[in-house]
Amino acid sequence: MQASILQGTLDLMILRTLATMGPQHAYGIGKRFQQVSGDALNLNQGTIYPALVRLEQHGWTRATWGKTESGREAKFYAITNAGLKALEEETARWRQMSDVVEKLLAEEQ
């Protein structure tokens, strides 16, 4: 399934993943999306990486270099306290918006 992800939705998904799993690299985040979605969401690192840079610029994540399970050097991203606060706020906004969309979709003509 081809998925079109809005920027804010991708940011929210990344923040939730980091809050749940701890520090991750872009490939690990993409694999988590794939796992949770039952292979319906396959985002490559080229899609995820710009969001990680954006989140770091906002101060919601911080990056450090480390080694992957296979021994390769990679940037690992961790959620910050500001990121946890943003996650809480964005989750509330997402739930409010999804409730509105659900109500609109449920309307009968």
PDB file of N, CA and C in Angstrom:
ATOM      1  N   MET A   1       0.846  -1.183   0.000  1.00  0.00           N
ATOM      2  CA  MET A   1       0.000   0.000   0.000  1.00  0.00           C
ATOM      3  C   MET A   1       0.889   1.243   0.000  1.00  0.00           C
ATOM      4  N   GLN A   2       0.619   2.133  -0.897  1.00  0.00           N
ATOM      5  CA  GLN A   2       1.358   3.388  -0.957  1.00  0.00           C
ATOM      6  C   GLN A   2       0.746   4.348   0.042  1.00  0.00           C
ATOM      7  N   ALA A   3       1.551   4.920   0.915  1.00  0.00           N
ATOM      8  CA  ALA A   3       1.026   5.803   1.961  1.00  0.00           C
ATOM      9  C   ALA A   3       1.523   7.223   1.751  1.00  0.00           C
ATOM     10  N   SER A   4       0.620   8.160   1.858  1.00  0.00           N
ATOM     11  CA  SER A   4       0.977   9.566   1.833  1.00  0.00           C
ATOM     12  C   SER A   4       0.880  10.074   3.267  1.00  0.00           C
ATOM     13  N   ILE A   5       1.992  10.529   3.827  1.00  0.00           N
ATOM     14  CA  ILE A   5       2.042  10.931   5.219  1.00  0.00           C
ATOM     15  C   ILE A   5       2.226  12.446   5.306  1.00  0.00           C
ATOM     16  N   LEU A   6       1.327  13.103   6.024  1.00  0.00           N
ATOM     17  CA  LEU A   6       1.470  14.528   6.256  1.00  0.00           C
ATOM     18  C   LEU A   6       2.649  14.760   7.193  1.00  0.00           C
ATOM     19  N   GLN A   7       3.338  15.879   7.015  1.00  0.00           N
ATOM     20  CA  GLN A   7       4.532  16.179   7.794  1.00  0.00           C
ATOM     21  C   GLN A   7       4.279  16.068   9.296  1.00  0.00           C
ATOM     22  N   GLY A   8       3.240  16.691   9.797  1.00  0.00           N
ATOM     23  CA  GLY A   8       2.956  16.648  11.237  1.00  0.00           C
ATOM     24  C   GLY A   8       2.650  15.255  11.736  1.00  0.00           C
ATOM     25  N   THR A   9       2.011  14.444  10.898  1.00  0.00           N
ATOM     26  CA  THR A   9       1.702  13.066  11.275  1.00  0.00           C
ATOM     27  C   THR A   9       2.977  12.249  11.386  1.00  0.00           C
ATOM     28  N   LEU A  10       3.886  12.429  10.455  1.00  0.00           N
ATOM     29  CA  LEU A  10       5.157  11.721  10.498  1.00  0.00           C
ATOM     30  C   LEU A  10       5.950  12.129  11.739  1.00  0.00           C
ATOM     31  N   ASP A  11       5.970  13.422  12.042  1.00  0.00           N
ATOM     32  CA  ASP A  11       6.658  13.896  13.240  1.00  0.00           C
ATOM     33  C   ASP A  11       6.078  13.237  14.486  1.00  0.00           C
ATOM     34  N   LEU A  12       4.765  13.188  14.573  1.00  0.00           N
ATOM     35  CA  LEU A  12       4.086  12.568  15.719  1.00  0.00           C
ATOM     36  C   LEU A  12       4.443  11.090  15.820  1.00  0.00           C
ATOM     37  N   MET A  13       4.443  10.396  14.711  1.00  0.00           N
ATOM     38  CA  MET A  13       4.769   8.967  14.708  1.00  0.00           C
ATOM     39  C   MET A  13       6.212   8.718  15.140  1.00  0.00           C
ATOM     40  N   ILE A  14       7.116   9.575  14.703  1.00  0.00           N
ATOM     41  CA  ILE A  14       8.521   9.431  15.100  1.00  0.00           C
ATOM     42  C   ILE A  14       8.678   9.692  16.592  1.00  0.00           C
ATOM     43  N   LEU A  15       8.077  10.770  17.085  1.00  0.00           N
ATOM     44  CA  LEU A  15       8.181  11.078  18.510  1.00  0.00           C
ATOM     45  C   LEU A  15       7.623   9.942  19.363  1.00  0.00           C
ATOM     46  N   ARG A  16       6.487   9.380  18.951  1.00  0.00           N
ATOM     47  CA  ARG A  16       5.899   8.269  19.706  1.00  0.00           C
ATOM     48  C   ARG A  16       6.835   7.058  19.693  1.00  0.00           C
ATOM     49  N   THR A  17       7.426   6.781  18.541  1.00  0.00           N
ATOM     50  CA  THR A  17       8.346   5.649  18.430  1.00  0.00           C
ATOM     51  C   THR A  17       9.546   5.832  19.351  1.00  0.00           C
ATOM     52  N   LEU A  18      10.120   7.025  19.365  1.00  0.00           N
ATOM     53  CA  LEU A  18      11.275   7.281  20.224  1.00  0.00           C
ATOM     54  C   LEU A  18      10.899   7.230  21.698  1.00  0.00           C
ATOM     55  N   ALA A  19       9.714   7.716  22.039  1.00  0.00           N
ATOM     56  CA  ALA A  19       9.268   7.669  23.436  1.00  0.00           C
ATOM     57  C   ALA A  19       9.038   6.229  23.881  1.00  0.00           C
ATOM     58  N   THR A  20       8.575   5.392  22.976  1.00  0.00           N
ATOM     59  CA  THR A  20       8.266   4.004  23.297  1.00  0.00           C
ATOM     60  C   THR A  20       9.510   3.117  23.294  1.00  0.00           C
ATOM     61  N   MET A  21      10.349   3.295  22.285  1.00  0.00           N
ATOM     62  CA  MET A  21      11.456   2.364  22.064  1.00  0.00           C
ATOM     63  C   MET A  21      12.822   2.869  22.522  1.00  0.00           C
ATOM     64  N   GLY A  22      12.919   4.155  22.827  1.00  0.00           N
ATOM     65  CA  GLY A  22      14.225   4.713  23.150  1.00  0.00           C
ATOM     66  C   GLY A  22      14.949   5.117  21.883  1.00  0.00           C
ATOM     67  N   PRO A  23      16.233   5.500  22.006  1.00  0.00           N
ATOM     68  CA  PRO A  23      16.988   5.993  20.852  1.00  0.00           C
ATOM     69  C   PRO A  23      16.978   5.007  19.685  1.00  0.00           C
ATOM     70  N   GLN A  24      16.771   5.561  18.492  1.00  0.00           N
ATOM     71  CA  GLN A  24      16.703   4.759  17.265  1.00  0.00           C
ATOM     72  C   GLN A  24      17.368   5.517  16.130  1.00  0.00           C
ATOM     73  N   HIS A  25      17.818   4.781  15.119  1.00  0.00           N
ATOM     74  CA  HIS A  25      18.309   5.393  13.889  1.00  0.00           C
ATOM     75  C   HIS A  25      17.174   5.341  12.869  1.00  0.00           C
ATOM     76  N   ALA A  26      17.337   6.055  11.762  1.00  0.00           N
ATOM     77  CA  ALA A  26      16.260   6.184  10.770  1.00  0.00           C
ATOM     78  C   ALA A  26      15.781   4.828  10.276  1.00  0.00           C
ATOM     79  N   TYR A  27      16.710   3.919  10.011  1.00  0.00           N
ATOM     80  CA  TYR A  27      16.327   2.596   9.522  1.00  0.00           C
ATOM     81  C   TYR A  27      15.473   1.859  10.562  1.00  0.00           C
ATOM     82  N   GLY A  28      15.853   1.957  11.832  1.00  0.00           N
ATOM     83  CA  GLY A  28      15.092   1.311  12.898  1.00  0.00           C
ATOM     84  C   GLY A  28      13.691   1.882  13.035  1.00  0.00           C
ATOM     85  N   ILE A  29      13.573   3.191  12.863  1.00  0.00           N
ATOM     86  CA  ILE A  29      12.253   3.835  12.927  1.00  0.00           C
ATOM     87  C   ILE A  29      11.382   3.340  11.777  1.00  0.00           C
ATOM     88  N   GLY A  30      11.951   3.292  10.586  1.00  0.00           N
ATOM     89  CA  GLY A  30      11.211   2.795   9.427  1.00  0.00           C
ATOM     90  C   GLY A  30      10.761   1.359   9.616  1.00  0.00           C
ATOM     91  N   LYS A  31      11.639   0.528  10.173  1.00  0.00           N
ATOM     92  CA  LYS A  31      11.282  -0.870  10.436  1.00  0.00           C
ATOM     93  C   LYS A  31      10.151  -0.964  11.456  1.00  0.00           C
ATOM     94  N   ARG A  32      10.166  -0.091  12.454  1.00  0.00           N
ATOM     95  CA  ARG A  32       9.099  -0.082  13.461  1.00  0.00           C
ATOM     96  C   ARG A  32       7.763   0.291  12.821  1.00  0.00           C
ATOM     97  N   PHE A  33       7.761   1.293  11.953  1.00  0.00           N
ATOM     98  CA  PHE A  33       6.535   1.673  11.243  1.00  0.00           C
ATOM     99  C   PHE A  33       5.994   0.488  10.448  1.00  0.00           C
ATOM    100  N   GLN A  34       6.898  -0.183   9.773  1.00  0.00           N
ATOM    101  CA  GLN A  34       6.519  -1.339   8.961  1.00  0.00           C
ATOM    102  C   GLN A  34       5.920  -2.435   9.840  1.00  0.00           C
ATOM    103  N   GLN A  35       6.553  -2.698  10.961  1.00  0.00           N
ATOM    104  CA  GLN A  35       6.090  -3.736  11.886  1.00  0.00           C
ATOM    105  C   GLN A  35       4.711  -3.403  12.454  1.00  0.00           C
ATOM    106  N   VAL A  36       4.566  -2.202  12.974  1.00  0.00           N
ATOM    107  CA  VAL A  36       3.300  -1.812  13.608  1.00  0.00           C
ATOM    108  C   VAL A  36       2.158  -1.775  12.603  1.00  0.00           C
ATOM    109  N   SER A  37       2.458  -1.386  11.361  1.00  0.00           N
ATOM    110  CA  SER A  37       1.412  -1.262  10.338  1.00  0.00           C
ATOM    111  C   SER A  37       1.130  -2.580   9.616  1.00  0.00           C
ATOM    112  N   GLY A  38       1.805  -3.646  10.003  1.00  0.00           N
ATOM    113  CA  GLY A  38       1.624  -4.911   9.293  1.00  0.00           C
ATOM    114  C   GLY A  38       2.088  -4.826   7.854  1.00  0.00           C
ATOM    115  N   ASP A  39       3.186  -4.129   7.623  1.00  0.00           N
ATOM    116  CA  ASP A  39       3.790  -3.928   6.306  1.00  0.00           C
ATOM    117  C   ASP A  39       3.008  -2.987   5.390  1.00  0.00           C
ATOM    118  N   ALA A  40       2.006  -2.299   5.922  1.00  0.00           N
ATOM    119  CA  ALA A  40       1.234  -1.370   5.094  1.00  0.00           C
ATOM    120  C   ALA A  40       1.962  -0.036   4.922  1.00  0.00           C
ATOM    121  N   LEU A  41       2.850   0.281   5.840  1.00  0.00           N
ATOM    122  CA  LEU A  41       3.557   1.560   5.811  1.00  0.00           C
ATOM    123  C   LEU A  41       5.045   1.298   5.659  1.00  0.00           C
ATOM    124  N   ASN A  42       5.557   1.539   4.466  1.00  0.00           N
ATOM    125  CA  ASN A  42       6.972   1.320   4.170  1.00  0.00           C
ATOM    126  C   ASN A  42       7.598   2.645   3.767  1.00  0.00           C
ATOM    127  N   LEU A  43       8.163   3.334   4.734  1.00  0.00           N
ATOM    128  CA  LEU A  43       8.813   4.616   4.466  1.00  0.00           C
ATOM    129  C   LEU A  43      10.314   4.402   4.464  1.00  0.00           C
ATOM    130  N   ASN A  44      10.975   4.932   3.454  1.00  0.00           N
ATOM    131  CA  ASN A  44      12.424   4.782   3.400  1.00  0.00           C
ATOM    132  C   ASN A  44      13.109   5.864   4.220  1.00  0.00           C
ATOM    133  N   GLN A  45      14.403   5.689   4.406  1.00  0.00           N
ATOM    134  CA  GLN A  45      15.179   6.640   5.205  1.00  0.00           C
ATOM    135  C   GLN A  45      15.149   8.037   4.598  1.00  0.00           C
ATOM    136  N   GLY A  46      15.014   8.133   3.283  1.00  0.00           N
ATOM    137  CA  GLY A  46      14.946   9.422   2.607  1.00  0.00           C
ATOM    138  C   GLY A  46      13.708  10.216   2.978  1.00  0.00           C
ATOM    139  N   THR A  47      12.666   9.535   3.428  1.00  0.00           N
ATOM    140  CA  THR A  47      11.451  10.196   3.907  1.00  0.00           C
ATOM    141  C   THR A  47      11.581  10.516   5.385  1.00  0.00           C
ATOM    142  N   ILE A  48      12.161   9.602   6.131  1.00  0.00           N
ATOM    143  CA  ILE A  48      12.247   9.737   7.586  1.00  0.00           C
ATOM    144  C   ILE A  48      13.334  10.732   8.005  1.00  0.00           C
ATOM    145  N   TYR A  49      14.462  10.705   7.326  1.00  0.00           N
ATOM    146  CA  TYR A  49      15.599  11.528   7.737  1.00  0.00           C
ATOM    147  C   TYR A  49      15.279  13.028   7.795  1.00  0.00           C
ATOM    148  N   PRO A  50      14.636  13.625   6.783  1.00  0.00           N
ATOM    149  CA  PRO A  50      14.319  15.062   6.883  1.00  0.00           C
ATOM    150  C   PRO A  50      13.434  15.383   8.101  1.00  0.00           C
ATOM    151  N   ALA A  51      12.539  14.471   8.448  1.00  0.00           N
ATOM    152  CA  ALA A  51      11.706  14.686   9.638  1.00  0.00           C
ATOM    153  C   ALA A  51      12.572  14.643  10.896  1.00  0.00           C
ATOM    154  N   LEU A  52      13.537  13.740  10.936  1.00  0.00           N
ATOM    155  CA  LEU A  52      14.434  13.661  12.094  1.00  0.00           C
ATOM    156  C   LEU A  52      15.249  14.941  12.240  1.00  0.00           C
ATOM    157  N   VAL A  53      15.726  15.481  11.130  1.00  0.00           N
ATOM    158  CA  VAL A  53      16.473  16.739  11.161  1.00  0.00           C
ATOM    159  C   VAL A  53      15.568  17.865  11.656  1.00  0.00           C
ATOM    160  N   ARG A  54      14.344  17.923  11.158  1.00  0.00           N
ATOM    161  CA  ARG A  54      13.376  18.946  11.569  1.00  0.00           C
ATOM    162  C   ARG A  54      13.104  18.847  13.075  1.00  0.00           C
ATOM    163  N   LEU A  55      12.901  17.632  13.566  1.00  0.00           N
ATOM    164  CA  LEU A  55      12.627  17.434  14.994  1.00  0.00           C
ATOM    165  C   LEU A  55      13.821  17.851  15.849  1.00  0.00           C
ATOM    166  N   GLU A  56      15.012  17.586  15.362  1.00  0.00           N
ATOM    167  CA  GLU A  56      16.215  17.991  16.093  1.00  0.00           C
ATOM    168  C   GLU A  56      16.336  19.520  16.112  1.00  0.00           C
ATOM    169  N   GLN A  57      16.000  20.163  15.004  1.00  0.00           N
ATOM    170  CA  GLN A  57      16.051  21.631  14.942  1.00  0.00           C
ATOM    171  C   GLN A  57      15.049  22.271  15.896  1.00  0.00           C
ATOM    172  N   HIS A  58      13.916  21.608  16.116  1.00  0.00           N
ATOM    173  CA  HIS A  58      12.915  22.095  17.073  1.00  0.00           C
ATOM    174  C   HIS A  58      13.349  21.852  18.523  1.00  0.00           C
ATOM    175  N   GLY A  59      14.372  21.034  18.704  1.00  0.00           N
ATOM    176  CA  GLY A  59      14.809  20.687  20.050  1.00  0.00           C
ATOM    177  C   GLY A  59      14.013  19.539  20.653  1.00  0.00           C
ATOM    178  N   TRP A  60      13.252  18.837  19.812  1.00  0.00           N
ATOM    179  CA  TRP A  60      12.414  17.743  20.297  1.00  0.00           C
ATOM    180  C   TRP A  60      13.150  16.412  20.320  1.00  0.00           C
ATOM    181  N   THR A  61      14.264  16.343  19.599  1.00  0.00           N
ATOM    182  CA  THR A  61      15.128  15.166  19.639  1.00  0.00           C
ATOM    183  C   THR A  61      16.564  15.651  19.730  1.00  0.00           C
ATOM    184  N   ARG A  62      17.455  14.738  20.092  1.00  0.00           N
ATOM    185  CA  ARG A  62      18.890  15.004  20.020  1.00  0.00           C
ATOM    186  C   ARG A  62      19.530  13.773  19.390  1.00  0.00           C
ATOM    187  N   ALA A  63      20.581  14.010  18.654  1.00  0.00           N
ATOM    188  CA  ALA A  63      21.228  12.918  17.920  1.00  0.00           C
ATOM    189  C   ALA A  63      22.639  12.689  18.441  1.00  0.00           C
ATOM    190  N   THR A  64      23.019  11.428  18.487  1.00  0.00           N
ATOM    191  CA  THR A  64      24.384  11.043  18.816  1.00  0.00           C
ATOM    192  C   THR A  64      24.787   9.911  17.881  1.00  0.00           C
ATOM    193  N   TRP A  65      26.078   9.831  17.614  1.00  0.00           N
ATOM    194  CA  TRP A  65      26.580   8.758  16.771  1.00  0.00           C
ATOM    195  C   TRP A  65      26.782   7.509  17.607  1.00  0.00           C
ATOM    196  N   GLY A  66      26.457   6.380  17.012  1.00  0.00           N
ATOM    197  CA  GLY A  66      26.636   5.098  17.676  1.00  0.00           C
ATOM    198  C   GLY A  66      26.743   3.983  16.653  1.00  0.00           C
ATOM    199  N   LYS A  67      26.821   2.772  17.132  1.00  0.00           N
ATOM    200  CA  LYS A  67      26.925   1.600  16.253  1.00  0.00           C
ATOM    201  C   LYS A  67      25.609   0.841  16.243  1.00  0.00           C
ATOM    202  N   THR A  68      25.220   0.406  15.059  1.00  0.00           N
ATOM    203  CA  THR A  68      24.017  -0.407  14.912  1.00  0.00           C
ATOM    204  C   THR A  68      24.319  -1.836  15.358  1.00  0.00           C
ATOM    205  N   GLU A  69      23.298  -2.665  15.338  1.00  0.00           N
ATOM    206  CA  GLU A  69      23.444  -4.073  15.703  1.00  0.00           C
ATOM    207  C   GLU A  69      24.468  -4.773  14.806  1.00  0.00           C
ATOM    208  N   SER A  70      24.572  -4.294  13.564  1.00  0.00           N
ATOM    209  CA  SER A  70      25.514  -4.899  12.608  1.00  0.00           C
ATOM    210  C   SER A  70      26.895  -4.249  12.660  1.00  0.00           C
ATOM    211  N   GLY A  71      27.099  -3.290  13.578  1.00  0.00           N
ATOM    212  CA  GLY A  71      28.398  -2.655  13.734  1.00  0.00           C
ATOM    213  C   GLY A  71      28.628  -1.439  12.855  1.00  0.00           C
ATOM    214  N   ARG A  72      27.611  -1.013  12.133  1.00  0.00           N
ATOM    215  CA  ARG A  72      27.713   0.150  11.256  1.00  0.00           C
ATOM    216  C   ARG A  72      27.502   1.432  12.068  1.00  0.00           C
ATOM    217  N   GLU A  73      28.238   2.492  11.731  1.00  0.00           N
ATOM    218  CA  GLU A  73      28.044   3.797  12.367  1.00  0.00           C
ATOM    219  C   GLU A  73      26.729   4.411  11.886  1.00  0.00           C
ATOM    220  N   ALA A  74      25.949   4.949  12.822  1.00  0.00           N
ATOM    221  CA  ALA A  74      24.678   5.584  12.463  1.00  0.00           C
ATOM    222  C   ALA A  74      24.344   6.645  13.506  1.00  0.00           C
ATOM    223  N   LYS A  75      23.524   7.590  13.100  1.00  0.00           N
ATOM    224  CA  LYS A  75      23.030   8.600  14.019  1.00  0.00           C
ATOM    225  C   LYS A  75      21.806   8.038  14.730  1.00  0.00           C
ATOM    226  N   PHE A  76      21.843   8.076  16.041  1.00  0.00           N
ATOM    227  CA  PHE A  76      20.714   7.630  16.850  1.00  0.00           C
ATOM    228  C   PHE A  76      20.018   8.854  17.426  1.00  0.00           C
ATOM    229  N   TYR A  77      18.705   8.862  17.323  1.00  0.00           N
ATOM    230  CA  TYR A  77      17.900   9.988  17.786  1.00  0.00           C
ATOM    231  C   TYR A  77      17.147   9.594  19.053  1.00  0.00           C
ATOM    232  N   ALA A  78      17.155  10.506  20.030  1.00  0.00           N
ATOM    233  CA  ALA A  78      16.435  10.293  21.281  1.00  0.00           C
ATOM    234  C   ALA A  78      15.497  11.471  21.495  1.00  0.00           C
ATOM    235  N   ILE A  79      14.364  11.205  22.107  1.00  0.00           N
ATOM    236  CA  ILE A  79      13.404  12.267  22.401  1.00  0.00           C
ATOM    237  C   ILE A  79      13.883  13.059  23.616  1.00  0.00           C
ATOM    238  N   THR A  80      13.698  14.365  23.586  1.00  0.00           N
ATOM    239  CA  THR A  80      14.077  15.238  24.698  1.00  0.00           C
ATOM    240  C   THR A  80      12.847  15.521  25.557  1.00  0.00           C
ATOM    241  N   ASN A  81      13.057  16.216  26.672  1.00  0.00           N
ATOM    242  CA  ASN A  81      11.920  16.622  27.506  1.00  0.00           C
ATOM    243  C   ASN A  81      10.971  17.522  26.724  1.00  0.00           C
ATOM    244  N   ALA A  82      11.525  18.423  25.923  1.00  0.00           N
ATOM    245  CA  ALA A  82      10.677  19.281  25.072  1.00  0.00           C
ATOM    246  C   ALA A  82       9.916  18.425  24.066  1.00  0.00           C
ATOM    247  N   GLY A  83      10.552  17.364  23.568  1.00  0.00           N
ATOM    248  CA  GLY A  83       9.888  16.455  22.643  1.00  0.00           C
ATOM    249  C   GLY A  83       8.752  15.696  23.303  1.00  0.00           C
ATOM    250  N   LEU A  84       8.939  15.305  24.556  1.00  0.00           N
ATOM    251  CA  LEU A  84       7.858  14.626  25.288  1.00  0.00           C
ATOM    252  C   LEU A  84       6.654  15.547  25.461  1.00  0.00           C
ATOM    253  N   LYS A  85       6.929  16.819  25.759  1.00  0.00           N
ATOM    254  CA  LYS A  85       5.841  17.793  25.888  1.00  0.00           C
ATOM    255  C   LYS A  85       5.141  17.993  24.545  1.00  0.00           C
ATOM    256  N   ALA A  86       5.925  18.120  23.468  1.00  0.00           N
ATOM    257  CA  ALA A  86       5.354  18.268  22.127  1.00  0.00           C
ATOM    258  C   ALA A  86       4.546  17.032  21.756  1.00  0.00           C
ATOM    259  N   LEU A  87       5.031  15.855  22.115  1.00  0.00           N
ATOM    260  CA  LEU A  87       4.307  14.610  21.837  1.00  0.00           C
ATOM    261  C   LEU A  87       2.949  14.620  22.516  1.00  0.00           C
ATOM    262  N   GLU A  88       2.920  15.030  23.764  1.00  0.00           N
ATOM    263  CA  GLU A  88       1.654  15.098  24.498  1.00  0.00           C
ATOM    264  C   GLU A  88       0.678  16.067  23.829  1.00  0.00           C
ATOM    265  N   GLU A  89       1.172  17.249  23.461  1.00  0.00           N
ATOM    266  CA  GLU A  89       0.323  18.264  22.827  1.00  0.00           C
ATOM    267  C   GLU A  89      -0.153  17.811  21.450  1.00  0.00           C
ATOM    268  N   GLU A  90       0.758  17.262  20.654  1.00  0.00           N
ATOM    269  CA  GLU A  90       0.400  16.824  19.304  1.00  0.00           C
ATOM    270  C   GLU A  90      -0.541  15.620  19.325  1.00  0.00           C
ATOM    271  N   THR A  91      -0.373  14.753  20.314  1.00  0.00           N
ATOM    272  CA  THR A  91      -1.282  13.613  20.445  1.00  0.00           C
ATOM    273  C   THR A  91      -2.699  14.098  20.732  1.00  0.00           C
ATOM    274  N   ALA A  92      -2.826  15.078  21.614  1.00  0.00           N
ATOM    275  CA  ALA A  92      -4.149  15.640  21.922  1.00  0.00           C
ATOM    276  C   ALA A  92      -4.764  16.277  20.679  1.00  0.00           C
ATOM    277  N   ARG A  93      -3.957  17.031  19.909  1.00  0.00           N
ATOM    278  CA  ARG A  93      -4.463  17.655  18.672  1.00  0.00           C
ATOM    279  C   ARG A  93      -4.881  16.595  17.658  1.00  0.00           C
ATOM    280  N   TRP A  94      -4.064  15.552  17.515  1.00  0.00           N
ATOM    281  CA  TRP A  94      -4.360  14.476  16.570  1.00  0.00           C
ATOM    282  C   TRP A  94      -5.681  13.802  16.942  1.00  0.00           C
ATOM    283  N   ARG A  95      -5.868  13.497  18.199  1.00  0.00           N
ATOM    284  CA  ARG A  95      -7.103  12.830  18.629  1.00  0.00           C
ATOM    285  C   ARG A  95      -8.317  13.712  18.401  1.00  0.00           C
ATOM    286  N   GLN A  96      -8.171  14.996  18.652  1.00  0.00           N
ATOM    287  CA  GLN A  96      -9.277  15.929  18.413  1.00  0.00           C
ATOM    288  C   GLN A  96      -9.611  15.974  16.919  1.00  0.00           C
ATOM    289  N   MET A  97      -8.588  16.082  16.083  1.00  0.00           N
ATOM    290  CA  MET A  97      -8.814  16.152  14.639  1.00  0.00           C
ATOM    291  C   MET A  97      -9.384  14.844  14.112  1.00  0.00           C
ATOM    292  N   SER A  98      -8.883  13.715  14.588  1.00  0.00           N
ATOM    293  CA  SER A  98      -9.394  12.433  14.091  1.00  0.00           C
ATOM    294  C   SER A  98     -10.848  12.234  14.511  1.00  0.00           C
ATOM    295  N   ASP A  99     -11.233  12.764  15.670  1.00  0.00           N
ATOM    296  CA  ASP A  99     -12.640  12.707  16.073  1.00  0.00           C
ATOM    297  C   ASP A  99     -13.513  13.497  15.103  1.00  0.00           C
ATOM    298  N   VAL A 100     -13.050  14.681  14.712  1.00  0.00           N
ATOM    299  CA  VAL A 100     -13.798  15.509  13.763  1.00  0.00           C
ATOM    300  C   VAL A 100     -13.924  14.788  12.422  1.00  0.00           C
ATOM    301  N   VAL A 101     -12.818  14.238  11.923  1.00  0.00           N
ATOM    302  CA  VAL A 101     -12.836  13.537  10.638  1.00  0.00           C
ATOM    303  C   VAL A 101     -13.770  12.333  10.717  1.00  0.00           C
ATOM    304  N   GLU A 102     -13.707  11.601  11.806  1.00  0.00           N
ATOM    305  CA  GLU A 102     -14.576  10.430  11.977  1.00  0.00           C
ATOM    306  C   GLU A 102     -16.051  10.838  11.946  1.00  0.00           C
ATOM    307  N   LYS A 103     -16.390  11.944  12.590  1.00  0.00           N
ATOM    308  CA  LYS A 103     -17.775  12.431  12.576  1.00  0.00           C
ATOM    309  C   LYS A 103     -18.207  12.807  11.160  1.00  0.00           C
ATOM    310  N   LEU A 104     -17.315  13.459  10.439  1.00  0.00           N
ATOM    311  CA  LEU A 104     -17.632  13.836   9.064  1.00  0.00           C
ATOM    312  C   LEU A 104     -17.802  12.610   8.174  1.00  0.00           C
ATOM    313  N   LEU A 105     -16.964  11.610   8.349  1.00  0.00           N
ATOM    314  CA  LEU A 105     -17.059  10.408   7.541  1.00  0.00           C
ATOM    315  C   LEU A 105     -18.318   9.598   7.865  1.00  0.00           C
ATOM    316  N   ALA A 106     -18.800   9.732   9.084  1.00  0.00           N
ATOM    317  CA  ALA A 106     -19.958   8.970   9.508  1.00  0.00           C
ATOM    318  C   ALA A 106     -21.286   9.601   9.047  1.00  0.00           C
ATOM    319  N   GLU A 107     -21.225  10.851   8.575  1.00  0.00           N
ATOM    320  CA  GLU A 107     -22.448  11.515   8.120  1.00  0.00           C
ATOM    321  C   GLU A 107     -23.060  10.795   6.935  1.00  0.00           C
ATOM    322  N   GLU A 108     -24.360  10.639   6.990  1.00  0.00           N
ATOM    323  CA  GLU A 108     -25.067  10.045   5.851  1.00  0.00           C
ATOM    324  C   GLU A 108     -25.689  11.158   5.028  1.00  0.00           C
ATOM    325  N   GLN A 109     -25.684  10.969   3.740  1.00  0.00           N
ATOM    326  CA  GLN A 109     -26.229  11.990   2.840  1.00  0.00           C
ATOM    327  C   GLN A 109     -27.733  11.883   2.769  1.00  0.00           C
TER     328      GLN A 109
END
